[in-house]
Amino acid sequence: MRSLKVRFALLLVGTALLVVLAAAGVFWSTTLSERTIDRVLAAQHRLELLAELSGRLTQYGLAAVETLGNPDTPPEALSVTREAVDKALNTVEAAVGGGLAASEDRAEQIQYMARTRPLMRLRAARVILDRQVYQIQRELDPDKRKDSIQGALNAFGAMTGQPLSLLIETERRSMTAGSDEANAIAQRMRTLSILGLVIALALVAILYRSVTRPTLARIEEVRKAAGAVGSGALDTRLSVATRDELGLLVANFNRMAARLGRRERHVASDRAALEDTIEARTADLRSANERLEMVDRSRRRFFADVSHELRTPLTVILGECDLASRSAGRTVDYAPVFATIRKRAQGLKRRVEDLLRVARSESGQIELDRRPVSALAVLTAAVEGAVSEASKRRVALTLEPGERDVELRADPEWLRQVVESLTDNALRHATGLTRIVIALAEHPSAGGVRARITVTDDGPGFPDQGEGLFERFRRDAHSGEPGFGIGLALARWVIERHDGIISLGAGVDGRGARVTIELPAADMAAVDDGRERVRTVVA
């Protein structure tokens, strides 16, 4: 046998044959055992019915004596016992028949006749006793009546005792025969089981020596060779001893090991070339990174330089305005003019300071001045800074302070700049804008009370960039307004360093845009300023 398929097929067929033989033996023994048990149980059932019939016959005899000896006894007592005897006889006859009456087997027919004849004698004894009772009831002489009763009972006992004994003995013999047959079946099954076990062990041993052990030994050789190849010994080879499936596997293994050796040499040469390429590309990346760092330093320096260059002339302008306002009352009252100039210059100075904050945030040199501050005060300052631009653009700017002020631990200048920057973004980028609402409210959360600040407008809403608008230098190209695209990025930077959250969304009824800021309250508690709700509307 040169093919493993044939060997394993023989192994499978032998195993299947053993299983079929074992199943057939179990089925055969189970069938015989069931038949024997059924016969034994049927005989036991018939014995129980015969015991019941014997009791019914005894009760019938006693009822007959009671009826004849006591004239006051109701006649129904004898009728009831007579019906019980007939019912017991019918039950025994049905159990004794049990398929034997219609059987064509001669032995079963003989058994049926041997059981039905005693039953017929018992039925006849009951009929004879009935007639005797009827005749005795007509006898008027007490002595003759008594002798007749005694004779009738003796005759009834003689007629019923022998048939009952015969039937009981027949059923006992049947139970004994069934038990002996069951023991014989068990003995045969034990013998057959031992014989089958010996045959199975012999077959298994033969198959193991001829098929399993040689196959496992060759597989173990292949496993060891594969482990050696996996460890790097690519010159490992196996001898092809057979031409079956394992022989083909060994030949394929040898070819695989040879190909792996050739590929290992190619990989070594390619690895050397790759290392040279990686070294060259790494040098290029270092050079590009240095150039990017130079560009980044130049950008930061630009922001700082612009901030300082703008701040110096503004300081001079403010100084000149102060001098002019002190001498203005001599001839013409220029105080309102200088006041307006001063206000604009202060706004410009504040913008320059904000630009300086942006430059410092870029370089990581800024520190927040966090202290207890009123959220309403910060929002009021932001609205005052943006009211002029809103009036010029004819936009209604509204502050809704809410029912309670909220105390925050924050940098007021940074928060003011965030709210003012959000308002300025709405004014410059929201086409068709007519209304901006800045609202303050308490917001309970799992960690305590938080201040919720919302900036809502009725413009076209945010574009499709969504969260991408928080990236630095990202701008909405459809607004047409100038800008560097750092407002929202700076706002997120400030709010996150205040342990808060900023998010974008739609306005009322899905129209316009809404920016929501949530900040933790100082000591996680809201402070009631005791003032009535203020509503400021700037047209």
Protein backbone atom coordinates (compact mmCIF):
# COMPACT_ATOMS: atom_id res chain seq x y z
CA MET A 1 0.00 0.00 0.00
CA ARG A 2 1.83 3.10 -1.24
CA SER A 3 -0.95 5.61 -0.57
CA LEU A 4 -1.89 7.03 2.82
CA LYS A 5 -5.41 7.47 1.52
CA VAL A 6 -5.81 3.70 1.18
CA ARG A 7 -4.39 3.11 4.65
CA PHE A 8 -6.60 5.65 6.32
CA ALA A 9 -9.59 4.37 4.31
CA LEU A 10 -8.94 0.87 5.68
CA LEU A 11 -8.62 2.32 9.15
CA LEU A 12 -11.92 4.16 8.73
CA VAL A 13 -13.70 1.11 7.29
CA GLY A 14 -12.45 -1.11 10.11
CA THR A 15 -13.57 1.40 12.73
CA ALA A 16 -16.96 1.78 11.06
CA LEU A 17 -17.36 -2.02 10.89
CA LEU A 18 -16.62 -2.35 14.60
CA VAL A 19 -19.12 0.39 15.38
CA VAL A 20 -21.80 -1.26 13.21
CA LEU A 21 -21.23 -4.66 14.82
CA ALA A 22 -21.32 -3.16 18.27
CA ALA A 23 -24.51 -1.26 17.47
CA ALA A 24 -26.12 -4.40 16.02
CA GLY A 25 -25.19 -6.41 19.11
CA VAL A 26 -26.55 -3.73 21.42
CA PHE A 27 -29.76 -3.50 19.40
CA TRP A 28 -30.22 -7.28 19.38
CA SER A 29 -29.57 -7.65 23.10
CA THR A 30 -31.81 -4.67 23.87
CA THR A 31 -34.65 -6.19 21.83
CA LEU A 32 -34.35 -9.56 23.57
CA SER A 33 -34.13 -7.90 26.96
CA GLU A 34 -37.19 -5.79 26.26
CA ARG A 35 -39.21 -8.82 25.21
CA THR A 36 -38.15 -10.78 28.29
CA ILE A 37 -38.89 -7.86 30.58
CA ASP A 38 -42.28 -7.37 28.94
CA ARG A 39 -43.18 -11.04 29.54
CA VAL A 40 -42.05 -10.89 33.15
CA LEU A 41 -43.97 -7.67 33.75
CA ALA A 42 -47.07 -9.12 32.07
CA ALA A 43 -46.89 -12.24 34.28
CA GLN A 44 -46.48 -10.05 37.36
CA HIS A 45 -49.48 -8.00 36.30
CA ARG A 46 -51.56 -11.11 35.83
CA LEU A 47 -50.53 -12.33 39.30
CA GLU A 48 -51.76 -9.05 40.76
CA LEU A 49 -55.06 -9.43 38.91
CA LEU A 50 -55.43 -13.02 40.12
CA ALA A 51 -54.83 -11.90 43.69
CA GLU A 52 -57.53 -9.30 43.25
CA LEU A 53 -59.87 -11.93 41.74
CA SER A 54 -59.26 -14.25 44.70
CA GLY A 55 -60.25 -11.45 47.06
CA ARG A 56 -63.38 -10.69 45.05
CA LEU A 57 -64.43 -14.36 45.12
CA THR A 58 -63.89 -14.47 48.88
CA GLN A 59 -65.99 -11.33 49.32
CA TYR A 60 -68.71 -12.86 47.13
CA GLY A 61 -68.79 -16.02 49.28
CA LEU A 62 -69.02 -14.01 52.47
CA ALA A 63 -71.76 -11.84 50.99
CA ALA A 64 -73.71 -14.99 50.05
CA VAL A 65 -73.41 -16.34 53.61
CA GLU A 66 -74.47 -12.99 55.04
CA THR A 67 -77.49 -12.86 52.73
CA LEU A 68 -78.62 -16.38 53.60
CA GLY A 69 -77.90 -16.12 57.31
CA ASN A 70 -79.38 -12.67 57.91
CA PRO A 71 -82.76 -12.01 56.26
CA ASP A 72 -82.38 -8.28 57.02
CA THR A 73 -79.36 -7.96 54.75
CA PRO A 74 -80.21 -5.83 51.68
CA PRO A 75 -80.13 -7.80 48.41
CA GLU A 76 -77.94 -5.09 46.82
CA ALA A 77 -74.89 -6.28 48.80
CA LEU A 78 -74.87 -9.62 46.96
CA SER A 79 -75.42 -7.88 43.60
CA VAL A 80 -72.50 -5.50 44.18
CA THR A 81 -70.10 -8.32 45.05
CA ARG A 82 -71.35 -10.36 42.08
CA GLU A 83 -70.62 -7.43 39.69
CA ALA A 84 -67.16 -7.00 41.24
CA VAL A 85 -66.43 -10.72 40.63
CA ASP A 86 -67.57 -10.48 36.99
CA LYS A 87 -65.49 -7.36 36.43
CA ALA A 88 -62.39 -9.02 37.92
CA LEU A 89 -62.97 -12.10 35.76
CA ASN A 90 -63.27 -9.94 32.61
CA THR A 91 -60.07 -8.09 33.51
CA VAL A 92 -58.14 -11.34 34.05
CA GLU A 93 -59.46 -12.77 30.79
CA ALA A 94 -58.36 -9.64 28.90
CA ALA A 95 -54.91 -9.80 30.49
CA VAL A 96 -54.58 -13.52 29.83
CA GLY A 97 -55.64 -13.07 26.19
CA GLY A 98 -53.16 -10.16 25.59
CA GLY A 99 -52.53 -11.07 21.95
CA LEU A 100 -52.30 -14.83 22.50
CA ALA A 101 -55.86 -15.49 21.30
CA ALA A 102 -55.10 -14.26 17.77
CA SER A 103 -51.58 -15.72 17.66
CA GLU A 104 -50.82 -18.42 15.09
CA ASP A 105 -48.04 -19.93 17.24
CA ARG A 106 -49.04 -23.36 18.53
CA ALA A 107 -47.23 -22.93 21.86
CA GLU A 108 -48.90 -19.58 22.53
CA GLN A 109 -52.30 -21.04 21.68
CA ILE A 110 -51.68 -23.87 24.18
CA GLN A 111 -50.73 -21.31 26.84
CA TYR A 112 -53.91 -19.39 26.08
CA MET A 113 -56.08 -22.48 26.48
CA ALA A 114 -54.28 -23.48 29.67
CA ARG A 115 -55.15 -20.09 31.19
CA THR A 116 -58.72 -19.68 29.89
CA ARG A 117 -60.06 -23.05 31.06
CA PRO A 118 -59.49 -22.35 34.78
CA LEU A 119 -61.11 -18.95 34.28
CA MET A 120 -64.17 -20.63 32.78
CA ARG A 121 -64.35 -22.94 35.79
CA LEU A 122 -64.21 -19.92 38.10
CA ARG A 123 -67.03 -18.25 36.19
CA ALA A 124 -69.04 -21.48 36.38
CA ALA A 125 -68.44 -21.69 40.15
CA ARG A 126 -69.87 -18.19 40.55
CA VAL A 127 -72.99 -19.14 38.54
CA ILE A 128 -73.51 -22.34 40.53
CA LEU A 129 -73.22 -20.45 43.82
CA ASP A 130 -75.83 -17.98 42.57
CA ARG A 131 -78.26 -20.78 41.86
CA GLN A 132 -77.60 -22.43 45.22
CA VAL A 133 -78.22 -19.18 47.03
CA TYR A 134 -81.51 -18.80 45.22
CA GLN A 135 -82.58 -22.34 46.16
CA ILE A 136 -81.48 -22.02 49.79
CA GLN A 137 -83.47 -18.79 50.14
CA ARG A 138 -86.64 -20.82 49.37
CA GLU A 139 -85.83 -23.42 52.10
CA LEU A 140 -87.91 -22.84 55.23
CA ASP A 141 -86.40 -25.45 57.57
CA PRO A 142 -83.57 -23.76 59.52
CA ASP A 143 -81.53 -26.96 59.97
CA LYS A 144 -81.67 -27.86 56.31
CA ARG A 145 -80.99 -24.21 55.42
CA LYS A 146 -77.86 -24.22 57.55
CA ASP A 147 -76.61 -27.50 56.07
CA SER A 148 -77.29 -26.23 52.56
CA ILE A 149 -75.29 -23.04 53.21
CA GLN A 150 -72.35 -25.03 54.54
CA GLY A 151 -72.44 -27.37 51.57
CA ALA A 152 -72.69 -24.56 49.06
CA LEU A 153 -69.68 -22.77 50.57
CA ASN A 154 -67.60 -25.94 50.61
CA ALA A 155 -68.49 -26.66 47.00
CA PHE A 156 -67.68 -23.05 45.99
CA GLY A 157 -64.32 -23.22 47.70
CA ALA A 158 -63.48 -26.52 46.06
CA MET A 159 -64.49 -25.23 42.62
CA THR A 160 -62.46 -21.98 42.89
CA GLY A 161 -59.38 -23.07 44.83
CA GLN A 162 -57.87 -25.43 42.26
CA PRO A 163 -58.29 -23.13 39.21
CA LEU A 164 -56.82 -20.16 41.11
CA SER A 165 -53.87 -22.21 42.27
CA LEU A 166 -53.30 -23.46 38.73
CA LEU A 167 -53.39 -19.94 37.30
CA ILE A 168 -51.06 -18.56 39.98
CA GLU A 169 -48.61 -21.38 39.49
CA THR A 170 -48.66 -20.84 35.70
CA GLU A 171 -47.80 -17.14 36.09
CA ARG A 172 -45.06 -17.89 38.59
CA ARG A 173 -43.52 -20.33 36.18
CA SER A 174 -43.74 -17.71 33.44
CA MET A 175 -41.89 -15.17 35.63
CA THR A 176 -39.24 -17.76 36.51
CA ALA A 177 -38.76 -18.64 32.84
CA GLY A 178 -38.43 -14.93 31.95
CA SER A 179 -35.83 -14.42 34.68
CA ASP A 180 -33.85 -17.42 33.50
CA GLU A 181 -34.00 -16.17 29.92
CA ALA A 182 -32.79 -12.71 31.00
CA ASN A 183 -29.85 -14.27 32.83
CA ALA A 184 -28.99 -16.33 29.75
CA ILE A 185 -29.11 -13.20 27.55
CA ALA A 186 -26.85 -11.34 29.98
CA GLN A 187 -24.37 -14.20 29.97
CA ARG A 188 -24.31 -14.30 26.17
CA MET A 189 -23.85 -10.52 26.01
CA ARG A 190 -20.91 -10.65 28.43
CA THR A 191 -19.28 -13.34 26.33
CA LEU A 192 -19.87 -11.44 23.10
CA SER A 193 -18.63 -8.19 24.66
CA ILE A 194 -15.36 -9.79 25.75
CA LEU A 195 -14.92 -11.38 22.34
CA GLY A 196 -15.66 -8.08 20.57
CA LEU A 197 -13.23 -6.23 22.84
CA VAL A 198 -10.48 -8.68 22.07
CA ILE A 199 -11.13 -8.39 18.32
CA ALA A 200 -11.22 -4.58 18.49
CA LEU A 201 -7.95 -4.39 20.45
CA ALA A 202 -6.27 -6.74 18.02
CA LEU A 203 -7.48 -4.70 15.04
CA VAL A 204 -6.38 -1.45 16.66
CA ALA A 205 -2.93 -2.87 17.41
CA ILE A 206 -2.53 -4.06 13.82
CA LEU A 207 -3.61 -0.71 12.39
CA TYR A 208 -1.35 1.19 14.79
CA ARG A 209 1.74 -0.84 13.86
CA SER A 210 1.06 -0.77 10.13
CA VAL A 211 -0.35 2.75 9.62
CA THR A 212 -0.28 5.07 12.60
CA ARG A 213 3.20 4.58 14.08
CA PRO A 214 5.13 4.84 10.77
CA THR A 215 3.10 7.89 9.74
CA LEU A 216 3.64 9.63 13.10
CA ALA A 217 7.39 8.93 12.94
CA ARG A 218 7.68 10.52 9.50
CA ILE A 219 5.56 13.48 10.57
CA GLU A 220 7.88 13.98 13.57
CA GLU A 221 10.85 14.10 11.21
CA VAL A 222 9.13 16.78 9.14
CA ARG A 223 8.32 18.74 12.33
CA LYS A 224 11.93 18.71 13.51
CA ALA A 225 13.16 19.76 10.07
CA ALA A 226 10.61 22.63 9.98
CA GLY A 227 11.81 23.77 13.42
CA ALA A 228 15.41 23.75 12.18
CA VAL A 229 14.47 25.84 9.13
CA GLY A 230 12.56 28.24 11.37
CA SER A 231 15.67 28.63 13.53
CA GLY A 232 17.71 29.66 10.49
CA ALA A 233 19.19 26.33 9.32
CA LEU A 234 18.08 26.74 5.71
CA ASP A 235 20.39 23.95 4.50
CA THR A 236 18.24 21.29 6.23
CA ARG A 237 17.05 18.51 3.91
CA LEU A 238 15.02 15.29 4.36
CA SER A 239 15.39 11.96 2.58
CA VAL A 240 12.46 10.90 0.37
CA ALA A 241 11.90 7.27 1.49
CA THR A 242 8.42 6.62 0.06
CA ARG A 243 6.29 7.74 -2.85
CA ASP A 244 3.07 8.36 -0.98
CA GLU A 245 1.61 11.67 0.16
CA LEU A 246 4.24 12.09 2.88
CA GLY A 247 6.96 11.49 0.31
CA LEU A 248 5.52 14.30 -1.82
CA LEU A 249 5.36 16.49 1.29
CA VAL A 250 9.03 15.84 2.06
CA ALA A 251 10.02 16.66 -1.54
CA ASN A 252 8.05 19.91 -1.39
CA PHE A 253 9.68 20.71 1.94
CA ASN A 254 13.14 20.32 0.45
CA ARG A 255 12.25 22.60 -2.47
CA MET A 256 10.80 25.16 -0.03
CA ALA A 257 13.99 25.14 2.06
CA ALA A 258 16.08 25.71 -1.06
CA ARG A 259 13.90 28.64 -2.16
CA LEU A 260 14.06 30.15 1.35
CA GLY A 261 17.88 29.96 1.23
CA ARG A 262 17.95 31.85 -2.06
CA ARG A 263 15.48 34.43 -0.77
CA GLU A 264 17.50 34.91 2.40
CA ARG A 265 20.50 35.89 0.35
CA HIS A 266 18.40 38.30 -1.76
CA VAL A 267 16.87 39.81 1.38
CA ALA A 268 20.31 40.41 2.89
CA SER A 269 21.42 42.35 -0.17
CA ASP A 270 18.12 44.28 -0.33
CA ARG A 271 18.38 45.12 3.38
CA ALA A 272 21.76 46.69 2.87
CA ALA A 273 20.44 48.81 0.01
CA LEU A 274 17.39 49.79 2.07
CA GLU A 275 19.51 50.91 5.00
CA ASP A 276 21.51 53.17 2.68
CA THR A 277 18.26 54.64 1.31
CA ILE A 278 16.83 55.19 4.80
CA GLU A 279 20.00 56.96 5.91
CA ALA A 280 19.82 59.31 2.91
CA ARG A 281 16.10 60.02 3.47
CA THR A 282 16.70 60.64 7.18
CA ALA A 283 19.27 63.27 6.34
CA ASP A 284 16.76 64.93 4.00
CA LEU A 285 14.09 64.90 6.73
CA ARG A 286 16.44 66.49 9.23
CA SER A 287 17.23 69.27 6.76
CA ALA A 288 13.51 69.84 6.03
CA ASN A 289 12.72 69.90 9.76
CA GLU A 290 15.38 72.51 10.37
CA ARG A 291 13.91 74.67 7.60
CA LEU A 292 10.42 74.33 9.12
CA GLU A 293 11.70 75.34 12.52
CA MET A 294 13.28 78.44 10.99
CA VAL A 295 9.98 79.33 9.31
CA ASP A 296 8.09 78.83 12.56
CA ARG A 297 10.50 81.03 14.50
CA SER A 298 10.16 83.71 11.83
CA ARG A 299 6.36 83.60 12.08
CA ARG A 300 6.42 83.97 15.85
CA ARG A 301 8.92 86.81 15.62
CA PHE A 302 6.63 88.52 13.11
CA PHE A 303 3.67 88.46 15.51
CA ALA A 304 5.78 89.80 18.36
CA ASP A 305 7.40 92.52 16.26
CA VAL A 306 4.08 93.69 14.82
CA SER A 307 2.54 93.85 18.27
CA HIS A 308 5.35 95.95 19.72
CA GLU A 309 5.57 98.21 16.66
CA LEU A 310 1.86 98.98 16.88
CA ARG A 311 1.79 99.44 20.61
CA THR A 312 4.42 102.21 20.71
CA PRO A 313 2.65 104.77 18.46
CA LEU A 314 -0.65 104.07 20.16
CA THR A 315 0.86 105.00 23.48
CA VAL A 316 2.03 108.31 21.97
CA ILE A 317 -1.44 108.97 20.50
CA LEU A 318 -3.06 108.42 23.87
CA GLY A 319 -0.60 110.80 25.51
CA GLU A 320 -1.27 113.54 22.95
CA CYS A 321 -5.03 113.12 23.39
CA ASP A 322 -4.67 113.60 27.13
CA LEU A 323 -2.72 116.86 26.63
CA ALA A 324 -5.20 118.17 24.05
CA SER A 325 -8.17 117.41 26.27
CA ARG A 326 -6.63 119.38 29.16
CA SER A 327 -6.14 122.53 26.94
CA ALA A 328 -9.24 122.24 24.83
CA GLY A 329 -11.49 124.37 27.03
CA ARG A 330 -9.66 127.65 26.45
CA THR A 331 -11.20 128.49 23.08
CA VAL A 332 -13.31 125.61 21.64
CA ASP A 333 -14.56 122.60 23.56
CA TYR A 334 -12.84 119.67 21.86
CA ALA A 335 -13.39 117.35 24.76
CA PRO A 336 -16.04 115.16 23.03
CA VAL A 337 -13.80 114.80 20.00
CA PHE A 338 -10.78 113.87 22.04
CA ALA A 339 -12.92 111.52 24.12
CA THR A 340 -13.96 109.69 20.95
CA ILE A 341 -10.35 109.59 19.76
CA ARG A 342 -9.26 108.25 23.10
CA LYS A 343 -11.96 105.60 23.07
CA ARG A 344 -10.97 104.41 19.60
CA ALA A 345 -7.28 104.46 20.52
CA GLN A 346 -7.97 102.41 23.63
CA GLY A 347 -9.89 99.90 21.52
CA LEU A 348 -6.99 99.72 19.09
CA LYS A 349 -4.56 99.30 21.95
CA ARG A 350 -6.65 96.47 23.31
CA ARG A 351 -6.63 94.79 19.90
CA VAL A 352 -2.85 95.09 19.78
CA GLU A 353 -2.61 93.56 23.23
CA ASP A 354 -4.81 90.71 22.02
CA LEU A 355 -2.50 90.19 19.08
CA LEU A 356 0.39 90.08 21.52
CA ARG A 357 -1.46 87.41 23.51
CA VAL A 358 -1.81 85.35 20.34
CA ALA A 359 1.94 85.58 19.71
CA ARG A 360 2.69 84.56 23.29
CA SER A 361 0.26 81.64 23.12
CA GLU A 362 2.04 80.46 19.99
CA SER A 363 5.40 80.48 21.74
CA GLY A 364 4.08 78.98 25.00
CA GLN A 365 5.26 81.99 27.04
CA ILE A 366 1.88 83.08 28.40
CA GLU A 367 0.54 82.44 31.88
CA LEU A 368 -3.14 82.84 32.80
CA ASP A 369 -4.02 85.24 35.59
CA ARG A 370 -6.86 83.21 37.10
CA ARG A 371 -8.81 84.90 39.90
CA PRO A 372 -12.44 85.14 41.04
CA VAL A 373 -14.39 87.13 38.49
CA SER A 374 -18.03 87.79 37.63
CA ALA A 375 -19.12 86.14 34.41
CA LEU A 376 -21.65 88.92 33.84
CA ALA A 377 -18.93 91.57 34.19
CA VAL A 378 -16.81 89.83 31.54
CA LEU A 379 -19.77 89.63 29.14
CA THR A 380 -20.67 93.29 29.76
CA ALA A 381 -17.12 94.39 28.90
CA ALA A 382 -17.18 92.29 25.73
CA VAL A 383 -20.51 93.82 24.63
CA GLU A 384 -19.25 97.35 25.27
CA GLY A 385 -16.22 96.62 23.10
CA ALA A 386 -18.34 95.37 20.20
CA VAL A 387 -21.31 97.75 20.38
CA SER A 388 -19.74 100.33 18.08
CA GLU A 389 -19.08 97.85 15.28
CA ALA A 390 -22.58 96.39 15.71
CA SER A 391 -24.16 99.84 15.42
CA LYS A 392 -22.18 100.60 12.29
CA ARG A 393 -23.39 97.34 10.70
CA ARG A 394 -26.97 97.91 11.99
CA VAL A 395 -27.04 94.69 13.97
CA ALA A 396 -28.95 94.40 17.25
CA LEU A 397 -26.51 93.25 19.97
CA THR A 398 -28.33 91.84 23.04
CA LEU A 399 -26.99 90.73 26.41
CA GLU A 400 -29.19 88.33 28.41
CA PRO A 401 -27.54 88.04 31.84
CA GLY A 402 -29.90 85.38 33.18
CA GLU A 403 -31.49 85.27 36.63
CA ARG A 404 -28.21 84.64 38.50
CA ASP A 405 -24.66 85.77 37.98
CA VAL A 406 -21.99 83.04 38.10
CA GLU A 407 -18.62 83.55 39.71
CA LEU A 408 -15.72 82.05 37.78
CA ARG A 409 -12.06 81.52 38.58
CA ALA A 410 -10.59 82.72 35.33
CA ASP A 411 -8.49 85.30 33.50
CA PRO A 412 -11.01 88.08 32.74
CA GLU A 413 -9.01 89.61 29.85
CA TRP A 414 -8.71 86.27 28.05
CA LEU A 415 -12.43 85.49 28.53
CA ARG A 416 -13.39 88.98 27.37
CA GLN A 417 -11.25 88.54 24.28
CA VAL A 418 -12.89 85.16 23.51
CA VAL A 419 -16.47 86.53 23.72
CA GLU A 420 -15.55 89.70 21.84
CA SER A 421 -13.76 87.65 19.16
CA LEU A 422 -16.83 85.41 18.72
CA THR A 423 -19.05 88.48 18.38
CA ASP A 424 -16.64 90.06 15.88
CA ASN A 425 -16.61 86.84 13.84
CA ALA A 426 -20.42 86.90 13.65
CA LEU A 427 -20.42 90.57 12.60
CA ARG A 428 -17.81 90.08 9.88
CA HIS A 429 -18.72 86.66 8.46
CA ALA A 430 -22.51 86.26 8.87
CA THR A 431 -24.16 87.52 5.69
CA GLY A 432 -27.62 89.06 6.22
CA LEU A 433 -27.12 89.21 10.00
CA THR A 434 -29.68 91.28 11.97
CA ARG A 435 -29.33 90.07 15.56
CA ILE A 436 -26.71 88.72 17.97
CA VAL A 437 -27.65 87.44 21.44
CA ILE A 438 -25.06 86.87 24.18
CA ALA A 439 -26.64 84.90 27.03
CA LEU A 440 -25.48 83.68 30.46
CA ALA A 441 -27.14 80.80 32.32
CA GLU A 442 -26.47 78.23 35.00
CA HIS A 443 -26.01 74.66 33.87
CA PRO A 444 -26.08 71.88 36.51
CA SER A 445 -23.87 68.88 35.71
CA ALA A 446 -22.53 65.75 37.38
CA GLY A 447 -19.55 67.66 38.81
CA GLY A 448 -21.54 70.67 40.04
CA VAL A 449 -22.73 74.03 38.66
CA ARG A 450 -21.25 75.30 35.39
CA ALA A 451 -21.64 78.62 33.61
CA ARG A 452 -23.04 78.36 30.09
CA ILE A 453 -22.29 81.28 27.75
CA THR A 454 -23.90 81.28 24.30
CA VAL A 455 -23.32 83.61 21.33
CA THR A 456 -26.25 83.17 18.92
CA ASP A 457 -26.93 84.95 15.62
CA ASP A 458 -29.54 84.69 12.87
CA GLY A 459 -27.08 84.53 9.98
CA PRO A 460 -26.53 81.68 7.49
CA GLY A 461 -24.86 79.43 10.08
CA PHE A 462 -21.51 77.68 10.04
CA PRO A 463 -20.16 76.22 6.79
CA ASP A 464 -19.52 72.52 6.21
CA GLN A 465 -16.10 72.57 7.89
CA GLY A 466 -17.72 72.05 11.32
CA GLU A 467 -15.08 71.29 13.96
CA GLY A 468 -12.37 72.04 11.38
CA LEU A 469 -13.02 75.75 11.98
CA PHE A 470 -11.17 75.41 15.30
CA GLU A 471 -7.91 74.79 13.43
CA ARG A 472 -5.47 77.68 13.22
CA PHE A 473 -5.51 79.76 10.04
CA ARG A 474 -8.72 78.01 8.84
CA ARG A 475 -11.10 80.57 7.32
CA ASP A 476 -14.49 80.56 5.63
CA ALA A 477 -13.71 81.47 2.01
CA HIS A 478 -17.38 82.41 1.30
CA SER A 479 -17.60 85.35 3.70
CA GLY A 480 -15.32 87.68 1.71
CA GLU A 481 -14.05 89.29 4.94
CA PRO A 482 -10.30 89.58 5.63
CA GLY A 483 -8.71 87.77 8.57
CA PHE A 484 -6.09 85.27 9.59
CA GLY A 485 -8.45 82.51 10.81
CA ILE A 486 -7.14 82.37 14.38
CA GLY A 487 -10.24 83.55 16.31
CA LEU A 488 -11.90 80.17 16.95
CA ALA A 489 -8.57 78.40 17.42
CA LEU A 490 -7.54 80.94 20.04
CA ALA A 491 -10.98 80.67 21.69
CA ARG A 492 -10.64 76.89 22.06
CA TRP A 493 -7.10 77.31 23.40
CA VAL A 494 -8.32 79.74 26.10
CA ILE A 495 -11.43 77.77 27.09
CA GLU A 496 -9.62 74.43 27.37
CA ARG A 497 -7.03 76.01 29.68
CA HIS A 498 -9.92 77.18 31.85
CA ASP A 499 -11.11 73.53 32.08
CA GLY A 500 -14.08 74.38 29.88
CA ILE A 501 -15.71 73.20 26.66
CA ILE A 502 -16.53 75.15 23.49
CA SER A 503 -18.74 73.79 20.71
CA LEU A 504 -20.46 74.95 17.51
CA GLY A 505 -24.09 74.42 16.63
CA ALA A 506 -27.21 75.80 14.97
CA GLY A 507 -29.20 78.72 16.29
CA VAL A 508 -32.87 78.97 17.24
CA ASP A 509 -35.17 76.74 15.15
CA GLY A 510 -32.16 75.53 13.16
CA ARG A 511 -31.42 79.02 11.76
CA GLY A 512 -28.17 80.90 12.23
CA ALA A 513 -25.18 79.85 14.30
CA ARG A 514 -24.56 79.29 17.99
CA VAL A 515 -21.27 79.01 19.89
CA THR A 516 -21.64 77.45 23.37
CA ILE A 517 -19.05 77.82 26.14
CA GLU A 518 -19.27 75.87 29.42
CA LEU A 519 -17.00 76.80 32.32
CA PRO A 520 -16.89 75.45 35.90
CA ALA A 521 -18.10 77.88 38.53
CA ALA A 522 -15.77 78.97 41.33
CA ASP A 523 -15.99 76.41 44.18
CA MET A 524 -18.62 74.68 41.98
CA ALA A 525 -21.32 77.11 43.26
CA ALA A 526 -23.27 79.95 41.66
CA VAL A 527 -23.36 83.41 43.22
CA ASP A 528 -26.59 85.41 43.18
CA ASP A 529 -25.87 89.05 42.57
CA GLY A 530 -29.33 90.03 43.90
CA ARG A 531 -30.10 92.12 40.90
CA GLU A 532 -33.08 91.82 38.63
CA ARG A 533 -32.60 90.33 35.18
CA VAL A 534 -30.99 92.93 32.90
CA ARG A 535 -31.63 92.99 29.21
CA THR A 536 -29.45 95.31 27.12
CA VAL A 537 -30.31 95.86 23.51
CA VAL A 538 -27.92 97.84 21.33
CA ALA A 539 -29.15 98.70 17.87
